[in-house]
Amino acid sequence: MGTRMSVSTTKFKVEGVGPFPLDMLRYDQCWPKAQDDVHEMGTNTAHPKRTVTLLTHTRVTEKRWASFGWTVTSKETF
């Protein structure tokens, strides 16, 4: 019987203005935590600043997020 590897999940928040960088979902292999986050990712660009909570099983590339004008404001791995 093989050993089971545990996979950690990272919950992180990004904050920004303007269009959400959808390509970052692929790049960081992440997905929105809840339906409210999907809404914030959409065309909701009228708000001055938006926060989106995401989940991933891989790394979070903070500098790449910053290159799109979005800041990683928190990270929690569990």
PDB file of N, CA and C in Angstrom:
ATOM      1  N   MET A   1       0.831  -1.167   0.000  1.00  0.00           N
ATOM      2  CA  MET A   1       0.000   0.000   0.000  1.00  0.00           C
ATOM      3  C   MET A   1       0.891   1.251   0.000  1.00  0.00           C
ATOM      4  N   GLY A   2       0.634   2.195  -0.890  1.00  0.00           N
ATOM      5  CA  GLY A   2       1.452   3.394  -1.003  1.00  0.00           C
ATOM      6  C   GLY A   2       1.130   4.404   0.084  1.00  0.00           C
ATOM      7  N   THR A   3       2.028   5.355   0.211  1.00  0.00           N
ATOM      8  CA  THR A   3       1.786   6.417   1.184  1.00  0.00           C
ATOM      9  C   THR A   3       1.006   7.533   0.524  1.00  0.00           C
ATOM     10  N   ARG A   4       0.193   8.168   1.280  1.00  0.00           N
ATOM     11  CA  ARG A   4      -0.615   9.257   0.763  1.00  0.00           C
ATOM     12  C   ARG A   4       0.096  10.579   1.039  1.00  0.00           C
ATOM     13  N   MET A   5       0.260  11.378  -0.012  1.00  0.00           N
ATOM     14  CA  MET A   5       0.892  12.684   0.135  1.00  0.00           C
ATOM     15  C   MET A   5      -0.177  13.700   0.507  1.00  0.00           C
ATOM     16  N   SER A   6       0.133  14.535   1.467  1.00  0.00           N
ATOM     17  CA  SER A   6      -0.820  15.591   1.795  1.00  0.00           C
ATOM     18  C   SER A   6      -0.567  16.789   0.891  1.00  0.00           C
ATOM     19  N   VAL A   7      -1.634  17.411   0.500  1.00  0.00           N
ATOM     20  CA  VAL A   7      -1.543  18.586  -0.360  1.00  0.00           C
ATOM     21  C   VAL A   7      -2.008  19.779   0.448  1.00  0.00           C
ATOM     22  N   SER A   8      -1.175  20.788   0.531  1.00  0.00           N
ATOM     23  CA  SER A   8      -1.573  21.983   1.262  1.00  0.00           C
ATOM     24  C   SER A   8      -2.320  22.930   0.322  1.00  0.00           C
ATOM     25  N   THR A   9      -3.175  23.711   0.910  1.00  0.00           N
ATOM     26  CA  THR A   9      -3.937  24.720   0.179  1.00  0.00           C
ATOM     27  C   THR A   9      -3.550  26.079   0.729  1.00  0.00           C
ATOM     28  N   THR A  10      -3.366  27.025  -0.167  1.00  0.00           N
ATOM     29  CA  THR A  10      -3.090  28.397   0.244  1.00  0.00           C
ATOM     30  C   THR A  10      -4.288  29.256  -0.115  1.00  0.00           C
ATOM     31  N   LYS A  11      -4.792  29.972   0.876  1.00  0.00           N
ATOM     32  CA  LYS A  11      -5.841  30.970   0.658  1.00  0.00           C
ATOM     33  C   LYS A  11      -5.144  32.318   0.641  1.00  0.00           C
ATOM     34  N   PHE A  12      -5.382  33.098  -0.390  1.00  0.00           N
ATOM     35  CA  PHE A  12      -4.761  34.413  -0.455  1.00  0.00           C
ATOM     36  C   PHE A  12      -5.724  35.432  -1.019  1.00  0.00           C
ATOM     37  N   LYS A  13      -5.479  36.680  -0.672  1.00  0.00           N
ATOM     38  CA  LYS A  13      -6.314  37.779  -1.146  1.00  0.00           C
ATOM     39  C   LYS A  13      -5.478  38.705  -2.011  1.00  0.00           C
ATOM     40  N   VAL A  14      -6.092  39.144  -3.095  1.00  0.00           N
ATOM     41  CA  VAL A  14      -5.471  40.142  -3.957  1.00  0.00           C
ATOM     42  C   VAL A  14      -6.381  41.354  -4.008  1.00  0.00           C
ATOM     43  N   GLU A  15      -5.763  42.517  -4.109  1.00  0.00           N
ATOM     44  CA  GLU A  15      -6.516  43.767  -4.137  1.00  0.00           C
ATOM     45  C   GLU A  15      -6.021  44.584  -5.311  1.00  0.00           C
ATOM     46  N   GLY A  16      -6.963  45.171  -6.043  1.00  0.00           N
ATOM     47  CA  GLY A  16      -6.549  45.972  -7.175  1.00  0.00           C
ATOM     48  C   GLY A  16      -7.686  46.760  -7.780  1.00  0.00           C
ATOM     49  N   VAL A  17      -7.364  47.476  -8.832  1.00  0.00           N
ATOM     50  CA  VAL A  17      -8.336  48.272  -9.588  1.00  0.00           C
ATOM     51  C   VAL A  17      -8.230  47.879 -11.051  1.00  0.00           C
ATOM     52  N   GLY A  18      -9.256  48.195 -11.804  1.00  0.00           N
ATOM     53  CA  GLY A  18      -9.240  47.895 -13.226  1.00  0.00           C
ATOM     54  C   GLY A  18      -9.538  46.433 -13.497  1.00  0.00           C
ATOM     55  N   PRO A  19      -9.290  46.000 -14.716  1.00  0.00           N
ATOM     56  CA  PRO A  19      -9.611  44.633 -15.099  1.00  0.00           C
ATOM     57  C   PRO A  19      -8.852  43.605 -14.250  1.00  0.00           C
ATOM     58  N   PHE A  20      -9.555  42.547 -13.859  1.00  0.00           N
ATOM     59  CA  PHE A  20      -8.906  41.468 -13.121  1.00  0.00           C
ATOM     60  C   PHE A  20      -8.024  40.682 -14.087  1.00  0.00           C
ATOM     61  N   PRO A  21      -6.782  40.382 -13.708  1.00  0.00           N
ATOM     62  CA  PRO A  21      -5.873  39.644 -14.612  1.00  0.00           C
ATOM     63  C   PRO A  21      -6.229  38.149 -14.647  1.00  0.00           C
ATOM     64  N   LEU A  22      -7.182  37.791 -15.500  1.00  0.00           N
ATOM     65  CA  LEU A  22      -7.669  36.413 -15.566  1.00  0.00           C
ATOM     66  C   LEU A  22      -6.567  35.397 -15.839  1.00  0.00           C
ATOM     67  N   ASP A  23      -5.537  35.788 -16.579  1.00  0.00           N
ATOM     68  CA  ASP A  23      -4.450  34.847 -16.862  1.00  0.00           C
ATOM     69  C   ASP A  23      -3.741  34.389 -15.590  1.00  0.00           C
ATOM     70  N   MET A  24      -3.848  35.157 -14.520  1.00  0.00           N
ATOM     71  CA  MET A  24      -3.218  34.764 -13.250  1.00  0.00           C
ATOM     72  C   MET A  24      -3.867  33.526 -12.657  1.00  0.00           C
ATOM     73  N   LEU A  25      -5.126  33.263 -13.002  1.00  0.00           N
ATOM     74  CA  LEU A  25      -5.770  32.031 -12.534  1.00  0.00           C
ATOM     75  C   LEU A  25      -5.021  30.820 -13.076  1.00  0.00           C
ATOM     76  N   ARG A  26      -4.651  30.901 -14.343  1.00  0.00           N
ATOM     77  CA  ARG A  26      -3.880  29.810 -14.958  1.00  0.00           C
ATOM     78  C   ARG A  26      -2.459  29.787 -14.419  1.00  0.00           C
ATOM     79  N   TYR A  27      -1.839  30.956 -14.346  1.00  0.00           N
ATOM     80  CA  TYR A  27      -0.429  31.029 -13.979  1.00  0.00           C
ATOM     81  C   TYR A  27      -0.184  30.521 -12.554  1.00  0.00           C
ATOM     82  N   ASP A  28      -1.022  30.935 -11.614  1.00  0.00           N
ATOM     83  CA  ASP A  28      -0.870  30.482 -10.223  1.00  0.00           C
ATOM     84  C   ASP A  28      -1.743  29.269  -9.907  1.00  0.00           C
ATOM     85  N   GLN A  29      -2.407  28.740 -10.922  1.00  0.00           N
ATOM     86  CA  GLN A  29      -3.274  27.565 -10.765  1.00  0.00           C
ATOM     87  C   GLN A  29      -4.221  27.766  -9.579  1.00  0.00           C
ATOM     88  N   CYS A  30      -4.952  28.872  -9.605  1.00  0.00           N
ATOM     89  CA  CYS A  30      -5.829  29.216  -8.487  1.00  0.00           C
ATOM     90  C   CYS A  30      -7.261  29.379  -8.972  1.00  0.00           C
ATOM     91  N   TRP A  31      -8.172  29.457  -8.015  1.00  0.00           N
ATOM     92  CA  TRP A  31      -9.582  29.598  -8.316  1.00  0.00           C
ATOM     93  C   TRP A  31     -10.227  30.450  -7.230  1.00  0.00           C
ATOM     94  N   PRO A  32     -11.367  31.102  -7.550  1.00  0.00           N
ATOM     95  CA  PRO A  32     -12.040  31.940  -6.570  1.00  0.00           C
ATOM     96  C   PRO A  32     -12.601  31.103  -5.422  1.00  0.00           C
ATOM     97  N   LYS A  33     -12.554  31.653  -4.219  1.00  0.00           N
ATOM     98  CA  LYS A  33     -13.029  30.940  -3.035  1.00  0.00           C
ATOM     99  C   LYS A  33     -14.548  30.865  -2.996  1.00  0.00           C
ATOM    100  N   ALA A  34     -15.245  31.923  -3.394  1.00  0.00           N
ATOM    101  CA  ALA A  34     -16.701  31.964  -3.285  1.00  0.00           C
ATOM    102  C   ALA A  34     -17.302  32.738  -4.463  1.00  0.00           C
ATOM    103  N   GLN A  35     -18.617  32.643  -4.591  1.00  0.00           N
ATOM    104  CA  GLN A  35     -19.320  33.334  -5.676  1.00  0.00           C
ATOM    105  C   GLN A  35     -19.112  34.843  -5.623  1.00  0.00           C
ATOM    106  N   ASP A  36     -19.034  35.406  -4.423  1.00  0.00           N
ATOM    107  CA  ASP A  36     -18.772  36.847  -4.300  1.00  0.00           C
ATOM    108  C   ASP A  36     -17.448  37.229  -4.944  1.00  0.00           C
ATOM    109  N   ASP A  37     -16.468  36.331  -4.850  1.00  0.00           N
ATOM    110  CA  ASP A  37     -15.163  36.598  -5.453  1.00  0.00           C
ATOM    111  C   ASP A  37     -15.249  36.570  -6.973  1.00  0.00           C
ATOM    112  N   VAL A  38     -16.075  35.673  -7.509  1.00  0.00           N
ATOM    113  CA  VAL A  38     -16.282  35.631  -8.960  1.00  0.00           C
ATOM    114  C   VAL A  38     -16.884  36.957  -9.412  1.00  0.00           C
ATOM    115  N   HIS A  39     -17.840  37.459  -8.663  1.00  0.00           N
ATOM    116  CA  HIS A  39     -18.461  38.742  -8.989  1.00  0.00           C
ATOM    117  C   HIS A  39     -17.424  39.859  -9.010  1.00  0.00           C
ATOM    118  N   GLU A  40     -16.557  39.898  -8.013  1.00  0.00           N
ATOM    119  CA  GLU A  40     -15.524  40.939  -7.944  1.00  0.00           C
ATOM    120  C   GLU A  40     -14.529  40.836  -9.095  1.00  0.00           C
ATOM    121  N   MET A  41     -14.325  39.623  -9.613  1.00  0.00           N
ATOM    122  CA  MET A  41     -13.404  39.435 -10.736  1.00  0.00           C
ATOM    123  C   MET A  41     -13.999  39.950 -12.039  1.00  0.00           C
ATOM    124  N   GLY A  42     -15.339  39.952 -12.119  1.00  0.00           N
ATOM    125  CA  GLY A  42     -16.021  40.291 -13.364  1.00  0.00           C
ATOM    126  C   GLY A  42     -15.833  41.718 -13.806  1.00  0.00           C
ATOM    127  N   THR A  43     -16.823  42.224 -14.432  1.00  0.00           N
ATOM    128  CA  THR A  43     -16.730  43.564 -15.011  1.00  0.00           C
ATOM    129  C   THR A  43     -17.022  44.646 -13.988  1.00  0.00           C
ATOM    130  N   ASN A  44     -16.893  44.314 -12.730  1.00  0.00           N
ATOM    131  CA  ASN A  44     -17.184  45.240 -11.637  1.00  0.00           C
ATOM    132  C   ASN A  44     -16.030  46.227 -11.446  1.00  0.00           C
ATOM    133  N   THR A  45     -15.733  46.988 -12.486  1.00  0.00           N
ATOM    134  CA  THR A  45     -14.581  47.894 -12.419  1.00  0.00           C
ATOM    135  C   THR A  45     -14.956  49.287 -11.935  1.00  0.00           C
ATOM    136  N   ALA A  46     -16.230  49.511 -11.576  1.00  0.00           N
ATOM    137  CA  ALA A  46     -16.650  50.829 -11.100  1.00  0.00           C
ATOM    138  C   ALA A  46     -16.129  51.113  -9.692  1.00  0.00           C
ATOM    139  N   HIS A  47     -15.898  50.057  -8.921  1.00  0.00           N
ATOM    140  CA  HIS A  47     -15.393  50.244  -7.560  1.00  0.00           C
ATOM    141  C   HIS A  47     -13.931  50.673  -7.617  1.00  0.00           C
ATOM    142  N   PRO A  48     -13.543  51.599  -6.752  1.00  0.00           N
ATOM    143  CA  PRO A  48     -12.164  52.074  -6.788  1.00  0.00           C
ATOM    144  C   PRO A  48     -11.148  50.970  -6.488  1.00  0.00           C
ATOM    145  N   LYS A  49     -11.457  50.094  -5.554  1.00  0.00           N
ATOM    146  CA  LYS A  49     -10.542  49.010  -5.207  1.00  0.00           C
ATOM    147  C   LYS A  49     -11.372  47.776  -4.891  1.00  0.00           C
ATOM    148  N   ARG A  50     -10.934  46.627  -5.401  1.00  0.00           N
ATOM    149  CA  ARG A  50     -11.666  45.380  -5.172  1.00  0.00           C
ATOM    150  C   ARG A  50     -10.733  44.370  -4.539  1.00  0.00           C
ATOM    151  N   THR A  51     -11.307  43.495  -3.724  1.00  0.00           N
ATOM    152  CA  THR A  51     -10.553  42.406  -3.105  1.00  0.00           C
ATOM    153  C   THR A  51     -11.165  41.086  -3.539  1.00  0.00           C
ATOM    154  N   VAL A  52     -10.298  40.150  -3.945  1.00  0.00           N
ATOM    155  CA  VAL A  52     -10.727  38.822  -4.372  1.00  0.00           C
ATOM    156  C   VAL A  52      -9.958  37.800  -3.550  1.00  0.00           C
ATOM    157  N   THR A  53     -10.678  36.825  -2.999  1.00  0.00           N
ATOM    158  CA  THR A  53     -10.045  35.733  -2.257  1.00  0.00           C
ATOM    159  C   THR A  53      -9.936  34.531  -3.174  1.00  0.00           C
ATOM    160  N   LEU A  54      -8.733  33.958  -3.234  1.00  0.00           N
ATOM    161  CA  LEU A  54      -8.439  32.845  -4.127  1.00  0.00           C
ATOM    162  C   LEU A  54      -7.823  31.688  -3.344  1.00  0.00           C
ATOM    163  N   LEU A  55      -7.880  30.492  -3.937  1.00  0.00           N
ATOM    164  CA  LEU A  55      -7.266  29.297  -3.369  1.00  0.00           C
ATOM    165  C   LEU A  55      -6.337  28.682  -4.400  1.00  0.00           C
ATOM    166  N   THR A  56      -5.248  28.066  -3.930  1.00  0.00           N
ATOM    167  CA  THR A  56      -4.321  27.375  -4.817  1.00  0.00           C
ATOM    168  C   THR A  56      -3.627  26.245  -4.067  1.00  0.00           C
ATOM    169  N   HIS A  57      -3.140  25.279  -4.816  1.00  0.00           N
ATOM    170  CA  HIS A  57      -2.323  24.200  -4.252  1.00  0.00           C
ATOM    171  C   HIS A  57      -0.854  24.404  -4.610  1.00  0.00           C
ATOM    172  N   THR A  58      -0.547  25.500  -5.299  1.00  0.00           N
ATOM    173  CA  THR A  58       0.837  25.768  -5.713  1.00  0.00           C
ATOM    174  C   THR A  58       1.301  27.089  -5.117  1.00  0.00           C
ATOM    175  N   ARG A  59       2.251  27.711  -5.725  1.00  0.00           N
ATOM    176  CA  ARG A  59       2.844  28.944  -5.218  1.00  0.00           C
ATOM    177  C   ARG A  59       2.005  30.144  -5.597  1.00  0.00           C
ATOM    178  N   VAL A  60       2.213  31.235  -4.901  1.00  0.00           N
ATOM    179  CA  VAL A  60       1.580  32.513  -5.216  1.00  0.00           C
ATOM    180  C   VAL A  60       2.695  33.443  -5.680  1.00  0.00           C
ATOM    181  N   THR A  61       2.598  33.910  -6.907  1.00  0.00           N
ATOM    182  CA  THR A  61       3.661  34.739  -7.478  1.00  0.00           C
ATOM    183  C   THR A  61       3.321  36.221  -7.285  1.00  0.00           C
ATOM    184  N   GLU A  62       3.691  36.738  -6.124  1.00  0.00           N
ATOM    185  CA  GLU A  62       3.333  38.098  -5.735  1.00  0.00           C
ATOM    186  C   GLU A  62       3.847  39.156  -6.717  1.00  0.00           C
ATOM    187  N   LYS A  63       5.054  38.991  -7.211  1.00  0.00           N
ATOM    188  CA  LYS A  63       5.614  39.990  -8.134  1.00  0.00           C
ATOM    189  C   LYS A  63       4.849  40.012  -9.453  1.00  0.00           C
ATOM    190  N   ARG A  64       4.403  38.850  -9.896  1.00  0.00           N
ATOM    191  CA  ARG A  64       3.624  38.808 -11.150  1.00  0.00           C
ATOM    192  C   ARG A  64       2.254  39.472 -10.944  1.00  0.00           C
ATOM    193  N   TRP A  65       1.610  39.219  -9.801  1.00  0.00           N
ATOM    194  CA  TRP A  65       0.354  39.916  -9.506  1.00  0.00           C
ATOM    195  C   TRP A  65       0.593  41.425  -9.549  1.00  0.00           C
ATOM    196  N   ALA A  66       1.681  41.866  -8.931  1.00  0.00           N
ATOM    197  CA  ALA A  66       1.999  43.294  -8.879  1.00  0.00           C
ATOM    198  C   ALA A  66       2.204  43.872 -10.281  1.00  0.00           C
ATOM    199  N   SER A  67       2.727  43.065 -11.196  1.00  0.00           N
ATOM    200  CA  SER A  67       2.950  43.559 -12.556  1.00  0.00           C
ATOM    201  C   SER A  67       1.635  43.891 -13.261  1.00  0.00           C
ATOM    202  N   PHE A  68       0.529  43.337 -12.769  1.00  0.00           N
ATOM    203  CA  PHE A  68      -0.798  43.640 -13.311  1.00  0.00           C
ATOM    204  C   PHE A  68      -1.504  44.721 -12.496  1.00  0.00           C
ATOM    205  N   GLY A  69      -0.831  45.262 -11.477  1.00  0.00           N
ATOM    206  CA  GLY A  69      -1.426  46.292 -10.649  1.00  0.00           C
ATOM    207  C   GLY A  69      -2.271  45.761  -9.502  1.00  0.00           C
ATOM    208  N   TRP A  70      -2.113  44.465  -9.182  1.00  0.00           N
ATOM    209  CA  TRP A  70      -2.855  43.836  -8.090  1.00  0.00           C
ATOM    210  C   TRP A  70      -1.859  43.418  -7.017  1.00  0.00           C
ATOM    211  N   THR A  71      -2.224  43.619  -5.757  1.00  0.00           N
ATOM    212  CA  THR A  71      -1.339  43.344  -4.629  1.00  0.00           C
ATOM    213  C   THR A  71      -1.854  42.160  -3.833  1.00  0.00           C
ATOM    214  N   VAL A  72      -0.965  41.229  -3.499  1.00  0.00           N
ATOM    215  CA  VAL A  72      -1.319  40.134  -2.593  1.00  0.00           C
ATOM    216  C   VAL A  72      -1.291  40.726  -1.192  1.00  0.00           C
ATOM    217  N   THR A  73      -2.459  40.747  -0.530  1.00  0.00           N
ATOM    218  CA  THR A  73      -2.562  41.395   0.777  1.00  0.00           C
ATOM    219  C   THR A  73      -2.485  40.415   1.936  1.00  0.00           C
ATOM    220  N   SER A  74      -2.731  39.126   1.685  1.00  0.00           N
ATOM    221  CA  SER A  74      -2.612  38.123   2.749  1.00  0.00           C
ATOM    222  C   SER A  74      -2.456  36.744   2.137  1.00  0.00           C
ATOM    223  N   LYS A  75      -1.800  35.867   2.886  1.00  0.00           N
ATOM    224  CA  LYS A  75      -1.622  34.460   2.477  1.00  0.00           C
ATOM    225  C   LYS A  75      -1.714  33.601   3.731  1.00  0.00           C
ATOM    226  N   GLU A  76      -2.444  32.482   3.622  1.00  0.00           N
ATOM    227  CA  GLU A  76      -2.564  31.536   4.709  1.00  0.00           C
ATOM    228  C   GLU A  76      -2.543  30.132   4.122  1.00  0.00           C
ATOM    229  N   THR A  77      -1.607  29.317   4.569  1.00  0.00           N
ATOM    230  CA  THR A  77      -1.517  27.950   4.075  1.00  0.00           C
ATOM    231  C   THR A  77      -2.034  27.004   5.144  1.00  0.00           C
ATOM    232  N   PHE A  78      -2.858  26.059   4.702  1.00  0.00           N
ATOM    233  CA  PHE A  78      -3.399  25.074   5.627  1.00  0.00           C
ATOM    234  C   PHE A  78      -3.453  23.723   4.974  1.00  0.00           C
TER     235      PHE A  78
END
